[in-house]
Amino acid sequence: MRSAGFLSERQRRLAWVGFLLAAFQAPLAASLIDDASWFFAVVVALLVATVIIADDAQRRRPRAEAE
């Protein structure tokens, strides 16, 4: 059995959806908008990706044995 991360399965799924939406929205906004406001979507995508990676690292850690 895998050890649990700090995100529940539902939160993890929503984080992936949010990451994908932000990642696809950024290039679209960059092509449609002249200012650099599309960069905010890139920052949000990177932040969500960092949370997903941290949760994945915690899930891969071996479970501590109870003594």
N, C-alpha and C. Protein backbone atom coordinates (compact mmCIF):
# COMPACT_ATOMS: atom_id res chain seq x y z
N MET A 1 0.84 -1.19 0.00
CA MET A 1 0.00 0.00 0.00
C MET A 1 0.89 1.25 0.00
N ARG A 2 0.54 2.21 -0.82
CA ARG A 2 1.30 3.46 -0.89
C ARG A 2 0.99 4.34 0.30
N SER A 3 2.00 5.08 0.72
CA SER A 3 1.75 6.06 1.77
C SER A 3 1.00 7.24 1.16
N ALA A 4 0.18 7.86 1.95
CA ALA A 4 -0.65 8.96 1.46
C ALA A 4 0.14 10.25 1.45
N GLY A 5 -0.13 11.07 0.46
CA GLY A 5 0.47 12.39 0.40
C GLY A 5 -0.41 13.37 1.17
N PHE A 6 -0.11 14.64 1.06
CA PHE A 6 -0.91 15.63 1.77
C PHE A 6 -2.14 16.05 0.99
N LEU A 7 -2.25 15.64 -0.27
CA LEU A 7 -3.45 15.90 -1.06
C LEU A 7 -4.31 14.63 -1.12
N SER A 8 -5.61 14.81 -1.03
CA SER A 8 -6.50 13.67 -1.23
C SER A 8 -6.55 13.36 -2.73
N GLU A 9 -7.13 12.24 -3.07
CA GLU A 9 -7.23 11.88 -4.50
C GLU A 9 -8.01 12.93 -5.28
N ARG A 10 -9.07 13.44 -4.67
CA ARG A 10 -9.89 14.47 -5.35
C ARG A 10 -9.10 15.76 -5.53
N GLN A 11 -8.38 16.18 -4.48
CA GLN A 11 -7.58 17.39 -4.58
C GLN A 11 -6.47 17.23 -5.61
N ARG A 12 -5.90 16.04 -5.67
CA ARG A 12 -4.84 15.78 -6.65
C ARG A 12 -5.38 15.85 -8.07
N ARG A 13 -6.56 15.29 -8.28
CA ARG A 13 -7.19 15.34 -9.60
C ARG A 13 -7.50 16.78 -9.99
N LEU A 14 -8.03 17.56 -9.05
CA LEU A 14 -8.33 18.96 -9.34
C LEU A 14 -7.05 19.77 -9.59
N ALA A 15 -5.97 19.43 -8.91
CA ALA A 15 -4.70 20.11 -9.15
C ALA A 15 -4.21 19.83 -10.56
N TRP A 16 -4.36 18.60 -11.02
CA TRP A 16 -3.96 18.27 -12.39
C TRP A 16 -4.81 19.02 -13.41
N VAL A 17 -6.11 19.10 -13.15
CA VAL A 17 -7.00 19.83 -14.07
C VAL A 17 -6.61 21.31 -14.09
N GLY A 18 -6.35 21.88 -12.92
CA GLY A 18 -5.94 23.28 -12.86
C GLY A 18 -4.62 23.53 -13.56
N PHE A 19 -3.68 22.60 -13.39
CA PHE A 19 -2.39 22.73 -14.07
C PHE A 19 -2.56 22.70 -15.59
N LEU A 20 -3.33 21.74 -16.07
CA LEU A 20 -3.52 21.63 -17.52
C LEU A 20 -4.24 22.84 -18.09
N LEU A 21 -5.26 23.33 -17.38
CA LEU A 21 -5.97 24.52 -17.86
C LEU A 21 -5.05 25.73 -17.92
N ALA A 22 -4.26 25.94 -16.87
CA ALA A 22 -3.35 27.09 -16.86
C ALA A 22 -2.26 26.93 -17.91
N ALA A 23 -1.78 25.71 -18.10
CA ALA A 23 -0.71 25.48 -19.08
C ALA A 23 -1.20 25.69 -20.51
N PHE A 24 -2.45 25.34 -20.79
CA PHE A 24 -2.98 25.55 -22.14
C PHE A 24 -3.47 26.97 -22.35
N GLN A 25 -3.86 27.65 -21.27
CA GLN A 25 -4.38 29.01 -21.40
C GLN A 25 -3.26 30.00 -21.66
N ALA A 26 -2.08 29.76 -21.12
CA ALA A 26 -0.98 30.73 -21.24
C ALA A 26 -0.57 30.99 -22.70
N PRO A 27 -0.30 29.97 -23.51
CA PRO A 27 0.08 30.28 -24.90
C PRO A 27 -1.05 30.90 -25.71
N LEU A 28 -2.27 30.49 -25.40
CA LEU A 28 -3.42 31.06 -26.09
C LEU A 28 -3.55 32.55 -25.77
N ALA A 29 -3.43 32.88 -24.48
CA ALA A 29 -3.51 34.28 -24.08
C ALA A 29 -2.34 35.09 -24.65
N ALA A 30 -1.18 34.48 -24.72
CA ALA A 30 -0.01 35.19 -25.25
C ALA A 30 -0.20 35.55 -26.73
N SER A 31 -0.90 34.69 -27.46
CA SER A 31 -1.12 34.99 -28.87
C SER A 31 -2.24 36.01 -29.08
N LEU A 32 -3.14 36.13 -28.12
CA LEU A 32 -4.28 37.02 -28.29
C LEU A 32 -4.10 38.39 -27.62
N ILE A 33 -3.26 38.46 -26.58
CA ILE A 33 -3.12 39.68 -25.79
C ILE A 33 -1.72 40.24 -25.98
N ASP A 34 -1.62 41.56 -26.14
CA ASP A 34 -0.32 42.18 -26.38
C ASP A 34 0.49 42.38 -25.11
N ASP A 35 -0.16 42.54 -23.95
CA ASP A 35 0.61 42.76 -22.73
C ASP A 35 1.10 41.42 -22.14
N ALA A 36 1.79 41.48 -21.04
CA ALA A 36 2.40 40.29 -20.45
C ALA A 36 1.53 39.66 -19.37
N SER A 37 0.22 39.90 -19.39
CA SER A 37 -0.64 39.32 -18.35
C SER A 37 -0.75 37.80 -18.47
N TRP A 38 -0.40 37.24 -19.63
CA TRP A 38 -0.42 35.79 -19.80
C TRP A 38 0.62 35.12 -18.92
N PHE A 39 1.64 35.88 -18.49
CA PHE A 39 2.69 35.32 -17.66
C PHE A 39 2.14 34.85 -16.31
N PHE A 40 1.05 35.44 -15.85
CA PHE A 40 0.42 35.02 -14.59
C PHE A 40 -0.03 33.56 -14.68
N ALA A 41 -0.56 33.15 -15.83
CA ALA A 41 -0.97 31.75 -16.01
C ALA A 41 0.22 30.81 -15.94
N VAL A 42 1.36 31.25 -16.43
CA VAL A 42 2.58 30.44 -16.36
C VAL A 42 3.00 30.27 -14.90
N VAL A 43 2.96 31.36 -14.14
CA VAL A 43 3.35 31.30 -12.73
C VAL A 43 2.39 30.39 -11.95
N VAL A 44 1.10 30.49 -12.21
CA VAL A 44 0.12 29.62 -11.53
C VAL A 44 0.37 28.16 -11.90
N ALA A 45 0.62 27.88 -13.16
CA ALA A 45 0.89 26.50 -13.58
C ALA A 45 2.13 25.96 -12.89
N LEU A 46 3.18 26.76 -12.77
CA LEU A 46 4.40 26.32 -12.09
C LEU A 46 4.16 26.09 -10.60
N LEU A 47 3.36 26.93 -9.98
CA LEU A 47 3.04 26.76 -8.57
C LEU A 47 2.25 25.47 -8.33
N VAL A 48 1.25 25.22 -9.16
CA VAL A 48 0.45 23.99 -9.02
C VAL A 48 1.31 22.77 -9.32
N ALA A 49 2.20 22.87 -10.30
CA ALA A 49 3.10 21.74 -10.61
C ALA A 49 4.02 21.44 -9.43
N THR A 50 4.48 22.48 -8.74
CA THR A 50 5.32 22.28 -7.56
C THR A 50 4.56 21.54 -6.46
N VAL A 51 3.31 21.88 -6.26
CA VAL A 51 2.50 21.19 -5.26
C VAL A 51 2.29 19.73 -5.65
N ILE A 52 2.02 19.47 -6.92
CA ILE A 52 1.82 18.09 -7.38
C ILE A 52 3.11 17.28 -7.20
N ILE A 53 4.25 17.88 -7.53
CA ILE A 53 5.53 17.18 -7.37
C ILE A 53 5.83 16.90 -5.90
N ALA A 54 5.55 17.86 -5.03
CA ALA A 54 5.78 17.66 -3.60
C ALA A 54 4.88 16.56 -3.05
N ASP A 55 3.62 16.52 -3.48
CA ASP A 55 2.71 15.47 -3.05
C ASP A 55 3.18 14.12 -3.57
N ASP A 56 3.65 14.08 -4.80
CA ASP A 56 4.14 12.84 -5.38
C ASP A 56 5.38 12.33 -4.63
N ALA A 57 6.26 13.25 -4.25
CA ALA A 57 7.45 12.85 -3.49
C ALA A 57 7.07 12.29 -2.13
N GLN A 58 6.06 12.88 -1.49
CA GLN A 58 5.62 12.37 -0.19
C GLN A 58 4.94 11.01 -0.34
N ARG A 59 4.23 10.80 -1.41
CA ARG A 59 3.58 9.50 -1.63
C ARG A 59 4.60 8.39 -1.89
N ARG A 60 5.73 8.73 -2.48
CA ARG A 60 6.74 7.73 -2.80
C ARG A 60 7.64 7.38 -1.62
N ARG A 61 7.56 8.16 -0.56
CA ARG A 61 8.35 7.88 0.64
C ARG A 61 7.85 6.60 1.28
N PRO A 62 8.76 5.78 1.79
CA PRO A 62 8.30 4.56 2.47
C PRO A 62 7.56 4.91 3.75
N ARG A 63 6.54 4.15 4.02
CA ARG A 63 5.72 4.38 5.20
C ARG A 63 6.52 4.05 6.45
N ALA A 64 6.42 4.90 7.47
CA ALA A 64 7.13 4.66 8.74
C ALA A 64 6.48 3.50 9.48
N GLU A 65 7.30 2.62 9.97
CA GLU A 65 6.80 1.45 10.72
C GLU A 65 6.42 1.87 12.14
N ALA A 66 5.27 1.43 12.60
CA ALA A 66 4.85 1.68 13.98
C ALA A 66 5.52 0.66 14.89
N GLU A 67 6.10 1.14 15.98
CA GLU A 67 6.81 0.23 16.88
C GLU A 67 5.93 -0.24 17.99
